[in-house]
Full PDB file with SEQRES, HELIX, SHEET, SSBOND, CRYST1, ORIGX, SCALE, CONECT and MASTER records, all heavy atoms in Angstrom:
SEQRES   1 A   37  GLY VAL ALA LEU ASP ALA HIS PHE SER LEU GLU GLN TRP          
SEQRES   2 A   37  VAL ARG CYS THR THR GLY ALA LEU PHE ASN PHE ASN GLY          
SEQRES   3 A   37  THR ALA GLY VAL TRP ARG LYS ALA ALA ILE ILE                  
HELIX    1 AA1 VAL A    2  ALA A    6  1                                   5    
HELIX    2 AA2 HIS A    7  GLN A   12  3                                   6    
HELIX    3 AA3 TRP A   13  THR A   17  1                                   5    
HELIX    4 AA4 LYS A   33  ILE A   36  1                                   4    
CRYST1    1.000    1.000    1.000  90.00  90.00  90.00 P 1           1          
ORIGX1      1.000000  0.000000  0.000000        0.00000                         
ORIGX2      0.000000  1.000000  0.000000        0.00000                         
ORIGX3      0.000000  0.000000  1.000000        0.00000                         
SCALE1      1.000000  0.000000  0.000000        0.00000                         
SCALE2      0.000000  1.000000  0.000000        0.00000                         
SCALE3      0.000000  0.000000  1.000000        0.00000                         
ATOM      1  N   GLY A   1      -1.203 -75.771  36.261  1.00  0.00           N  
ATOM      2  CA  GLY A   1      -0.843 -76.751  35.256  1.00  0.00           C  
ATOM      3  C   GLY A   1      -1.388 -76.391  33.886  1.00  0.00           C  
ATOM      4  O   GLY A   1      -0.689 -76.497  32.872  1.00  0.00           O  
ATOM      5  N   VAL A   2      -2.644 -75.939  33.840  1.00  0.00           N  
ATOM      6  CA  VAL A   2      -3.243 -75.537  32.567  1.00  0.00           C  
ATOM      7  C   VAL A   2      -2.479 -74.353  31.968  1.00  0.00           C  
ATOM      8  O   VAL A   2      -2.209 -74.324  30.760  1.00  0.00           O  
ATOM      9  CB  VAL A   2      -4.735 -75.183  32.769  1.00  0.00           C  
ATOM     10  CG1 VAL A   2      -5.319 -74.558  31.500  1.00  0.00           C  
ATOM     11  CG2 VAL A   2      -5.532 -76.429  33.148  1.00  0.00           C  
ATOM     12  N   ALA A   3      -2.131 -73.378  32.805  1.00  0.00           N  
ATOM     13  CA  ALA A   3      -1.414 -72.197  32.312  1.00  0.00           C  
ATOM     14  C   ALA A   3      -0.037 -72.566  31.767  1.00  0.00           C  
ATOM     15  O   ALA A   3       0.364 -72.122  30.686  1.00  0.00           O  
ATOM     16  CB  ALA A   3      -1.290 -71.168  33.428  1.00  0.00           C  
ATOM     17  N   LEU A   4       0.705 -73.392  32.500  1.00  0.00           N  
ATOM     18  CA  LEU A   4       2.040 -73.786  32.037  1.00  0.00           C  
ATOM     19  C   LEU A   4       1.965 -74.689  30.809  1.00  0.00           C  
ATOM     20  O   LEU A   4       2.811 -74.605  29.920  1.00  0.00           O  
ATOM     21  CB  LEU A   4       2.793 -74.494  33.166  1.00  0.00           C  
ATOM     22  CG  LEU A   4       3.351 -73.581  34.254  1.00  0.00           C  
ATOM     23  CD1 LEU A   4       3.881 -74.397  35.422  1.00  0.00           C  
ATOM     24  CD2 LEU A   4       4.448 -72.676  33.704  1.00  0.00           C  
ATOM     25  N   ASP A   5       0.952 -75.541  30.753  1.00  0.00           N  
ATOM     26  CA  ASP A   5       0.797 -76.402  29.577  1.00  0.00           C  
ATOM     27  C   ASP A   5       0.620 -75.575  28.312  1.00  0.00           C  
ATOM     28  O   ASP A   5       1.156 -75.918  27.248  1.00  0.00           O  
ATOM     29  CB  ASP A   5      -0.419 -77.324  29.759  1.00  0.00           C  
ATOM     30  CG  ASP A   5      -0.162 -78.444  30.754  1.00  0.00           C  
ATOM     31  OD1 ASP A   5       1.006 -78.673  31.091  1.00  0.00           O  
ATOM     32  OD2 ASP A   5      -1.146 -79.074  31.202  1.00  0.00           O  
ATOM     33  N   ALA A   6      -0.139 -74.487  28.402  1.00  0.00           N  
ATOM     34  CA  ALA A   6      -0.323 -73.624  27.230  1.00  0.00           C  
ATOM     35  C   ALA A   6       1.002 -72.994  26.815  1.00  0.00           C  
ATOM     36  O   ALA A   6       1.315 -72.908  25.621  1.00  0.00           O  
ATOM     37  CB  ALA A   6      -1.357 -72.546  27.530  1.00  0.00           C  
ATOM     38  N   HIS A   7       1.786 -72.558  27.785  1.00  0.00           N  
ATOM     39  CA  HIS A   7       3.089 -71.963  27.471  1.00  0.00           C  
ATOM     40  C   HIS A   7       3.976 -72.955  26.726  1.00  0.00           C  
ATOM     41  O   HIS A   7       4.595 -72.611  25.711  1.00  0.00           O  
ATOM     42  CB  HIS A   7       3.776 -71.512  28.752  1.00  0.00           C  
ATOM     43  CG  HIS A   7       5.202 -71.095  28.553  1.00  0.00           C  
ATOM     44  ND1 HIS A   7       5.570 -69.940  27.890  1.00  0.00           N  
ATOM     45  CD2 HIS A   7       6.370 -71.702  28.919  1.00  0.00           C  
ATOM     46  CE1 HIS A   7       6.889 -69.840  27.851  1.00  0.00           C  
ATOM     47  NE2 HIS A   7       7.397 -70.902  28.469  1.00  0.00           N  
ATOM     48  N   PHE A   8       4.013 -74.192  27.220  1.00  0.00           N  
ATOM     49  CA  PHE A   8       4.920 -75.162  26.622  1.00  0.00           C  
ATOM     50  C   PHE A   8       4.359 -75.805  25.355  1.00  0.00           C  
ATOM     51  O   PHE A   8       5.108 -76.091  24.431  1.00  0.00           O  
ATOM     52  CB  PHE A   8       5.297 -76.238  27.652  1.00  0.00           C  
ATOM     53  CG  PHE A   8       6.321 -75.778  28.640  1.00  0.00           C  
ATOM     54  CD1 PHE A   8       5.954 -75.270  29.875  1.00  0.00           C  
ATOM     55  CD2 PHE A   8       7.668 -75.813  28.323  1.00  0.00           C  
ATOM     56  CE1 PHE A   8       6.900 -74.819  30.778  1.00  0.00           C  
ATOM     57  CE2 PHE A   8       8.625 -75.373  29.214  1.00  0.00           C  
ATOM     58  CZ  PHE A   8       8.243 -74.874  30.446  1.00  0.00           C  
ATOM     59  N   SER A   9       3.063 -76.052  25.317  1.00  0.00           N  
ATOM     60  CA  SER A   9       2.517 -76.719  24.136  1.00  0.00           C  
ATOM     61  C   SER A   9       2.313 -75.762  22.971  1.00  0.00           C  
ATOM     62  O   SER A   9       2.356 -76.184  21.807  1.00  0.00           O  
ATOM     63  CB  SER A   9       1.189 -77.405  24.484  1.00  0.00           C  
ATOM     64  OG  SER A   9       0.192 -76.444  24.819  1.00  0.00           O  
ATOM     65  N   LEU A  10       2.119 -74.457  23.263  1.00  0.00           N  
ATOM     66  CA  LEU A  10       1.882 -73.483  22.199  1.00  0.00           C  
ATOM     67  C   LEU A  10       3.047 -72.511  22.029  1.00  0.00           C  
ATOM     68  O   LEU A  10       3.708 -72.492  20.977  1.00  0.00           O  
ATOM     69  CB  LEU A  10       0.598 -72.697  22.483  1.00  0.00           C  
ATOM     70  CG  LEU A  10      -0.714 -73.428  22.200  1.00  0.00           C  
ATOM     71  CD1 LEU A  10      -1.887 -72.558  22.605  1.00  0.00           C  
ATOM     72  CD2 LEU A  10      -0.819 -73.783  20.733  1.00  0.00           C  
ATOM     73  N   GLU A  11       3.302 -71.692  23.045  1.00  0.00           N  
ATOM     74  CA  GLU A  11       4.299 -70.620  22.888  1.00  0.00           C  
ATOM     75  C   GLU A  11       5.679 -71.147  22.514  1.00  0.00           C  
ATOM     76  O   GLU A  11       6.273 -70.732  21.506  1.00  0.00           O  
ATOM     77  CB  GLU A  11       4.396 -69.804  24.176  1.00  0.00           C  
ATOM     78  CG  GLU A  11       3.357 -68.725  24.318  1.00  0.00           C  
ATOM     79  CD  GLU A  11       3.704 -67.802  25.462  1.00  0.00           C  
ATOM     80  OE1 GLU A  11       4.482 -66.854  25.238  1.00  0.00           O  
ATOM     81  OE2 GLU A  11       3.201 -68.019  26.576  1.00  0.00           O  
ATOM     82  N   GLN A  12       6.195 -72.035  23.348  1.00  0.00           N  
ATOM     83  CA  GLN A  12       7.555 -72.505  23.093  1.00  0.00           C  
ATOM     84  C   GLN A  12       7.628 -73.255  21.760  1.00  0.00           C  
ATOM     85  O   GLN A  12       8.580 -73.089  21.001  1.00  0.00           O  
ATOM     86  CB  GLN A  12       8.023 -73.410  24.249  1.00  0.00           C  
ATOM     87  CG  GLN A  12       8.216 -72.677  25.575  1.00  0.00           C  
ATOM     88  CD  GLN A  12       9.393 -71.716  25.524  1.00  0.00           C  
ATOM     89  OE1 GLN A  12       9.341 -70.703  24.837  1.00  0.00           O  
ATOM     90  NE2 GLN A  12      10.452 -72.021  26.265  1.00  0.00           N  
ATOM     91  N   TRP A  13       6.622 -74.069  21.480  1.00  0.00           N  
ATOM     92  CA  TRP A  13       6.607 -74.845  20.244  1.00  0.00           C  
ATOM     93  C   TRP A  13       6.560 -73.922  19.031  1.00  0.00           C  
ATOM     94  O   TRP A  13       7.324 -74.098  18.077  1.00  0.00           O  
ATOM     95  CB  TRP A  13       5.404 -75.793  20.254  1.00  0.00           C  
ATOM     96  CG  TRP A  13       5.447 -76.816  19.179  1.00  0.00           C  
ATOM     97  CD1 TRP A  13       5.919 -78.099  19.273  1.00  0.00           C  
ATOM     98  CD2 TRP A  13       5.016 -76.654  17.823  1.00  0.00           C  
ATOM     99  NE1 TRP A  13       5.808 -78.731  18.062  1.00  0.00           N  
ATOM    100  CE2 TRP A  13       5.255 -77.866  17.146  1.00  0.00           C  
ATOM    101  CE3 TRP A  13       4.460 -75.595  17.106  1.00  0.00           C  
ATOM    102  CZ2 TRP A  13       4.953 -78.062  15.804  1.00  0.00           C  
ATOM    103  CZ3 TRP A  13       4.156 -75.778  15.763  1.00  0.00           C  
ATOM    104  CH2 TRP A  13       4.401 -77.008  15.127  1.00  0.00           C  
ATOM    105  N   VAL A  14       5.641 -72.941  19.042  1.00  0.00           N  
ATOM    106  CA  VAL A  14       5.481 -72.045  17.897  1.00  0.00           C  
ATOM    107  C   VAL A  14       6.737 -71.219  17.678  1.00  0.00           C  
ATOM    108  O   VAL A  14       7.223 -71.078  16.546  1.00  0.00           O  
ATOM    109  CB  VAL A  14       4.244 -71.140  18.080  1.00  0.00           C  
ATOM    110  CG1 VAL A  14       4.249 -69.994  17.070  1.00  0.00           C  
ATOM    111  CG2 VAL A  14       2.965 -71.956  17.942  1.00  0.00           C  
ATOM    112  N   ARG A  15       7.290 -70.652  18.734  1.00  0.00           N  
ATOM    113  CA  ARG A  15       8.475 -69.817  18.566  1.00  0.00           C  
ATOM    114  C   ARG A  15       9.651 -70.620  18.036  1.00  0.00           C  
ATOM    115  O   ARG A  15      10.398 -70.158  17.171  1.00  0.00           O  
ATOM    116  CB  ARG A  15       8.823 -69.131  19.887  1.00  0.00           C  
ATOM    117  CG  ARG A  15       7.807 -68.053  20.277  1.00  0.00           C  
ATOM    118  CD  ARG A  15       8.305 -67.187  21.414  1.00  0.00           C  
ATOM    119  NE  ARG A  15       7.328 -66.160  21.704  1.00  0.00           N  
ATOM    120  CZ  ARG A  15       6.651 -66.057  22.848  1.00  0.00           C  
ATOM    121  NH1 ARG A  15       6.851 -66.922  23.824  1.00  0.00           N  
ATOM    122  NH2 ARG A  15       5.764 -65.098  23.025  1.00  0.00           N  
ATOM    123  N   CYS A  16       9.835 -71.819  18.557  1.00  0.00           N  
ATOM    124  CA  CYS A  16      10.937 -72.651  18.087  1.00  0.00           C  
ATOM    125  C   CYS A  16      10.729 -73.053  16.631  1.00  0.00           C  
ATOM    126  O   CYS A  16      11.652 -72.957  15.803  1.00  0.00           O  
ATOM    127  CB  CYS A  16      11.058 -73.892  18.966  1.00  0.00           C  
ATOM    128  SG  CYS A  16      12.352 -75.044  18.434  1.00  0.00           S  
ATOM    129  N   THR A  17       9.517 -73.466  16.299  1.00  0.00           N  
ATOM    130  CA  THR A  17       9.239 -73.975  14.958  1.00  0.00           C  
ATOM    131  C   THR A  17       9.335 -72.895  13.897  1.00  0.00           C  
ATOM    132  O   THR A  17       9.768 -73.154  12.766  1.00  0.00           O  
ATOM    133  CB  THR A  17       7.833 -74.613  14.918  1.00  0.00           C  
ATOM    134  OG1 THR A  17       7.758 -75.627  15.924  1.00  0.00           O  
ATOM    135  CG2 THR A  17       7.551 -75.240  13.569  1.00  0.00           C  
ATOM    136  N   THR A  18       8.939 -71.673  14.241  1.00  0.00           N  
ATOM    137  CA  THR A  18       8.926 -70.593  13.255  1.00  0.00           C  
ATOM    138  C   THR A  18      10.215 -69.784  13.226  1.00  0.00           C  
ATOM    139  O   THR A  18      10.316 -68.788  12.499  1.00  0.00           O  
ATOM    140  CB  THR A  18       7.745 -69.646  13.520  1.00  0.00           C  
ATOM    141  OG1 THR A  18       7.858 -69.100  14.846  1.00  0.00           O  
ATOM    142  CG2 THR A  18       6.417 -70.385  13.396  1.00  0.00           C  
ATOM    143  N   GLY A  19      11.195 -70.181  14.025  1.00  0.00           N  
ATOM    144  CA  GLY A  19      12.479 -69.488  14.009  1.00  0.00           C  
ATOM    145  C   GLY A  19      12.512 -68.204  14.811  1.00  0.00           C  
ATOM    146  O   GLY A  19      13.454 -67.413  14.687  1.00  0.00           O  
ATOM    147  N   ALA A  20      11.499 -67.988  15.653  1.00  0.00           N  
ATOM    148  CA  ALA A  20      11.489 -66.802  16.515  1.00  0.00           C  
ATOM    149  C   ALA A  20      12.428 -67.007  17.696  1.00  0.00           C  
ATOM    150  O   ALA A  20      12.892 -68.126  17.967  1.00  0.00           O  
ATOM    151  CB  ALA A  20      10.067 -66.527  17.003  1.00  0.00           C  
ATOM    152  N   LEU A  21      12.731 -65.929  18.396  1.00  0.00           N  
ATOM    153  CA  LEU A  21      13.542 -66.035  19.602  1.00  0.00           C  
ATOM    154  C   LEU A  21      12.680 -66.592  20.725  1.00  0.00           C  
ATOM    155  O   LEU A  21      11.567 -66.136  20.949  1.00  0.00           O  
ATOM    156  CB  LEU A  21      14.093 -64.664  20.000  1.00  0.00           C  
ATOM    157  CG  LEU A  21      14.897 -63.906  18.931  1.00  0.00           C  
ATOM    158  CD1 LEU A  21      15.476 -62.624  19.527  1.00  0.00           C  
ATOM    159  CD2 LEU A  21      15.987 -64.759  18.330  1.00  0.00           C  
ATOM    160  N   PHE A  22      13.198 -67.606  21.415  1.00  0.00           N  
ATOM    161  CA  PHE A  22      12.473 -68.103  22.589  1.00  0.00           C  
ATOM    162  C   PHE A  22      13.482 -68.351  23.689  1.00  0.00           C  
ATOM    163  O   PHE A  22      14.631 -67.933  23.582  1.00  0.00           O  
ATOM    164  CB  PHE A  22      11.608 -69.323  22.238  1.00  0.00           C  
ATOM    165  CG  PHE A  22      12.357 -70.624  22.104  1.00  0.00           C  
ATOM    166  CD1 PHE A  22      12.255 -71.594  23.088  1.00  0.00           C  
ATOM    167  CD2 PHE A  22      13.137 -70.891  20.979  1.00  0.00           C  
ATOM    168  CE1 PHE A  22      12.912 -72.810  22.962  1.00  0.00           C  
ATOM    169  CE2 PHE A  22      13.799 -72.097  20.840  1.00  0.00           C  
ATOM    170  CZ  PHE A  22      13.686 -73.062  21.843  1.00  0.00           C  
ATOM    171  N   ASN A  23      13.066 -69.008  24.750  1.00  0.00           N  
ATOM    172  CA  ASN A  23      13.934 -68.997  25.931  1.00  0.00           C  
ATOM    173  C   ASN A  23      14.029 -70.324  26.647  1.00  0.00           C  
ATOM    174  O   ASN A  23      13.116 -71.151  26.613  1.00  0.00           O  
ATOM    175  CB  ASN A  23      13.452 -67.944  26.937  1.00  0.00           C  
ATOM    176  CG  ASN A  23      12.092 -68.262  27.511  1.00  0.00           C  
ATOM    177  OD1 ASN A  23      11.093 -68.207  26.790  1.00  0.00           O  
ATOM    178  ND2 ASN A  23      12.030 -68.589  28.797  1.00  0.00           N  
ATOM    179  N   PHE A  24      15.164 -70.511  27.288  1.00  0.00           N  
ATOM    180  CA  PHE A  24      15.355 -71.534  28.303  1.00  0.00           C  
ATOM    181  C   PHE A  24      14.482 -71.161  29.492  1.00  0.00           C  
ATOM    182  O   PHE A  24      14.393 -69.999  29.870  1.00  0.00           O  
ATOM    183  CB  PHE A  24      16.831 -71.566  28.696  1.00  0.00           C  
ATOM    184  CG  PHE A  24      17.175 -72.446  29.864  1.00  0.00           C  
ATOM    185  CD1 PHE A  24      16.765 -73.768  29.905  1.00  0.00           C  
ATOM    186  CD2 PHE A  24      17.944 -71.944  30.914  1.00  0.00           C  
ATOM    187  CE1 PHE A  24      17.104 -74.585  30.982  1.00  0.00           C  
ATOM    188  CE2 PHE A  24      18.294 -72.749  31.981  1.00  0.00           C  
ATOM    189  CZ  PHE A  24      17.869 -74.066  32.022  1.00  0.00           C  
ATOM    190  N   ASN A  25      13.832 -72.162  30.095  1.00  0.00           N  
ATOM    191  CA  ASN A  25      12.902 -71.890  31.191  1.00  0.00           C  
ATOM    192  C   ASN A  25      13.526 -72.038  32.570  1.00  0.00           C  
ATOM    193  O   ASN A  25      12.816 -72.137  33.566  1.00  0.00           O  
ATOM    194  CB  ASN A  25      11.676 -72.794  31.084  1.00  0.00           C  
ATOM    195  CG  ASN A  25      10.805 -72.433  29.894  1.00  0.00           C  
ATOM    196  OD1 ASN A  25      10.868 -73.071  28.860  1.00  0.00           O  
ATOM    197  ND2 ASN A  25      10.000 -71.392  30.028  1.00  0.00           N  
ATOM    198  N   GLY A  26      14.850 -72.054  32.637  1.00  0.00           N  
ATOM    199  CA  GLY A  26      15.531 -72.062  33.927  1.00  0.00           C  
ATOM    200  C   GLY A  26      15.817 -73.435  34.476  1.00  0.00           C  
ATOM    201  O   GLY A  26      16.613 -73.583  35.408  1.00  0.00           O  
ATOM    202  N   THR A  27      15.169 -74.457  33.926  1.00  0.00           N  
ATOM    203  CA  THR A  27      15.350 -75.829  34.386  1.00  0.00           C  
ATOM    204  C   THR A  27      14.886 -76.773  33.294  1.00  0.00           C  
ATOM    205  O   THR A  27      14.205 -76.367  32.344  1.00  0.00           O  
ATOM    206  CB  THR A  27      14.572 -76.086  35.691  1.00  0.00           C  
ATOM    207  OG1 THR A  27      14.756 -77.458  36.099  1.00  0.00           O  
ATOM    208  CG2 THR A  27      13.086 -75.831  35.515  1.00  0.00           C  
ATOM    209  N   ALA A  28      15.272 -78.032  33.417  1.00  0.00           N  
ATOM    210  CA  ALA A  28      14.885 -79.060  32.441  1.00  0.00           C  
ATOM    211  C   ALA A  28      15.408 -78.714  31.046  1.00  0.00           C  
ATOM    212  O   ALA A  28      14.671 -78.750  30.070  1.00  0.00           O  
ATOM    213  CB  ALA A  28      13.379 -79.277  32.425  1.00  0.00           C  
ATOM    214  N   GLY A  29      16.682 -78.366  30.989  1.00  0.00           N  
ATOM    215  CA  GLY A  29      17.294 -78.043  29.713  1.00  0.00           C  
ATOM    216  C   GLY A  29      18.783 -78.333  29.731  1.00  0.00           C  
ATOM    217  O   GLY A  29      19.384 -78.513  30.802  1.00  0.00           O  
ATOM    218  N   VAL A  30      19.370 -78.400  28.554  1.00  0.00           N  
ATOM    219  CA  VAL A  30      20.803 -78.672  28.418  1.00  0.00           C  
ATOM    220  C   VAL A  30      21.420 -77.557  27.582  1.00  0.00           C  
ATOM    221  O   VAL A  30      20.902 -77.199  26.519  1.00  0.00           O  
ATOM    222  CB  VAL A  30      21.053 -80.035  27.736  1.00  0.00           C  
ATOM    223  CG1 VAL A  30      22.553 -80.328  27.694  1.00  0.00           C  
ATOM    224  CG2 VAL A  30      20.307 -81.157  28.460  1.00  0.00           C  
ATOM    225  N   TRP A  31      22.543 -77.018  28.061  1.00  0.00           N  
ATOM    226  CA  TRP A  31      23.263 -75.943  27.371  1.00  0.00           C  
ATOM    227  C   TRP A  31      24.620 -76.434  26.871  1.00  0.00           C  
ATOM    228  O   TRP A  31      25.258 -77.278  27.501  1.00  0.00           O  
ATOM    229  CB  TRP A  31      23.517 -74.776  28.322  1.00  0.00           C  
ATOM    230  CG  TRP A  31      22.387 -73.800  28.447  1.00  0.00           C  
ATOM    231  CD1 TRP A  31      21.352 -73.862  29.333  1.00  0.00           C  
ATOM    232  CD2 TRP A  31      22.195 -72.624  27.662  1.00  0.00           C  
ATOM    233  NE1 TRP A  31      20.514 -72.790  29.151  1.00  0.00           N  
ATOM    234  CE2 TRP A  31      21.004 -72.009  28.135  1.00  0.00           C  
ATOM    235  CE3 TRP A  31      22.898 -72.020  26.624  1.00  0.00           C  
ATOM    236  CZ2 TRP A  31      20.519 -70.824  27.592  1.00  0.00           C  
ATOM    237  CZ3 TRP A  31      22.410 -70.837  26.072  1.00  0.00           C  
ATOM    238  CH2 TRP A  31      21.231 -70.256  26.554  1.00  0.00           C  
ATOM    239  N   ARG A  32      25.047 -75.870  25.759  1.00  0.00           N  
ATOM    240  CA  ARG A  32      26.428 -76.022  25.313  1.00  0.00           C  
ATOM    241  C   ARG A  32      27.269 -75.022  26.112  1.00  0.00           C  
ATOM    242  O   ARG A  32      26.996 -73.812  26.095  1.00  0.00           O  
ATOM    243  CB  ARG A  32      26.534 -75.735  23.818  1.00  0.00           C  
ATOM    244  CG  ARG A  32      27.911 -76.054  23.217  1.00  0.00           C  
ATOM    245  CD  ARG A  32      27.999 -75.584  21.773  1.00  0.00           C  
ATOM    246  NE  ARG A  32      27.035 -76.256  20.918  1.00  0.00           N  
ATOM    247  CZ  ARG A  32      27.260 -77.391  20.259  1.00  0.00           C  
ATOM    248  NH1 ARG A  32      28.434 -77.978  20.370  1.00  0.00           N  
ATOM    249  NH2 ARG A  32      26.322 -77.921  19.481  1.00  0.00           N  
ATOM    250  N   LYS A  33      28.278 -75.509  26.812  1.00  0.00           N  
ATOM    251  CA  LYS A  33      29.074 -74.649  27.678  1.00  0.00           C  
ATOM    252  C   LYS A  33      29.697 -73.499  26.902  1.00  0.00           C  
ATOM    253  O   LYS A  33      29.732 -72.349  27.365  1.00  0.00           O  
ATOM    254  CB  LYS A  33      30.157 -75.471  28.377  1.00  0.00           C  
ATOM    255  CG  LYS A  33      30.983 -74.683  29.385  1.00  0.00           C  
ATOM    256  CD  LYS A  33      32.004 -75.588  30.079  1.00  0.00           C  
ATOM    257  CE  LYS A  33      32.848 -74.817  31.071  1.00  0.00           C  
ATOM    258  NZ  LYS A  33      33.863 -75.688  31.735  1.00  0.00           N  
ATOM    259  N   ALA A  34      30.177 -73.767  25.698  1.00  0.00           N  
ATOM    260  CA  ALA A  34      30.819 -72.724  24.892  1.00  0.00           C  
ATOM    261  C   ALA A  34      29.839 -71.603  24.555  1.00  0.00           C  
ATOM    262  O   ALA A  34      30.236 -70.434  24.449  1.00  0.00           O  
ATOM    263  CB  ALA A  34      31.376 -73.334  23.605  1.00  0.00           C  
ATOM    264  N   ALA A  35      28.555 -71.941  24.388  1.00  0.00           N  
ATOM    265  CA  ALA A  35      27.552 -70.920  24.072  1.00  0.00           C  
ATOM    266  C   ALA A  35      27.305 -70.015  25.274  1.00  0.00           C  
ATOM    267  O   ALA A  35      27.119 -68.798  25.131  1.00  0.00           O  
ATOM    268  CB  ALA A  35      26.253 -71.577  23.624  1.00  0.00           C  
ATOM    269  N   ILE A  36      27.283 -70.603  26.462  1.00  0.00           N  
ATOM    270  CA  ILE A  36      27.103 -69.798  27.677  1.00  0.00           C  
ATOM    271  C   ILE A  36      28.237 -68.780  27.794  1.00  0.00           C  
ATOM    272  O   ILE A  36      28.016 -67.596  28.064  1.00  0.00           O  
ATOM    273  CB  ILE A  36      27.056 -70.701  28.927  1.00  0.00           C  
ATOM    274  CG1 ILE A  36      25.834 -71.630  28.880  1.00  0.00           C  
ATOM    275  CG2 ILE A  36      27.030 -69.850  30.199  1.00  0.00           C  
ATOM    276  CD1 ILE A  36      25.775 -72.618  30.042  1.00  0.00           C  
ATOM    277  N   ILE A  37      29.458 -69.249  27.588  1.00  0.00           N  
ATOM    278  CA  ILE A  37      30.617 -68.365  27.700  1.00  0.00           C  
ATOM    279  C   ILE A  37      30.592 -67.309  26.607  1.00  0.00           C  
ATOM    280  O   ILE A  37      30.836 -66.116  26.850  1.00  0.00           O  
ATOM    281  CB  ILE A  37      31.912 -69.197  27.640  1.00  0.00           C  
ATOM    282  CG1 ILE A  37      31.994 -70.131  28.855  1.00  0.00           C  
ATOM    283  CG2 ILE A  37      33.133 -68.284  27.585  1.00  0.00           C  
ATOM    284  CD1 ILE A  37      33.125 -71.144  28.775  1.00  0.00           C  
TER     285      ILE A  37                                                      
MASTER        0    0    0    4    0    0    0    6  284    1    0    3          
END                                                                             
């Protein structure tokens, strides 16, 4: 839990906020179908 919390509270937040490339984590997310295609 501590390890995953760091990933989500720091890595994902920082990358998204600063405009870096980041990733869908495989679950708990919503995609635009047209983007997938």
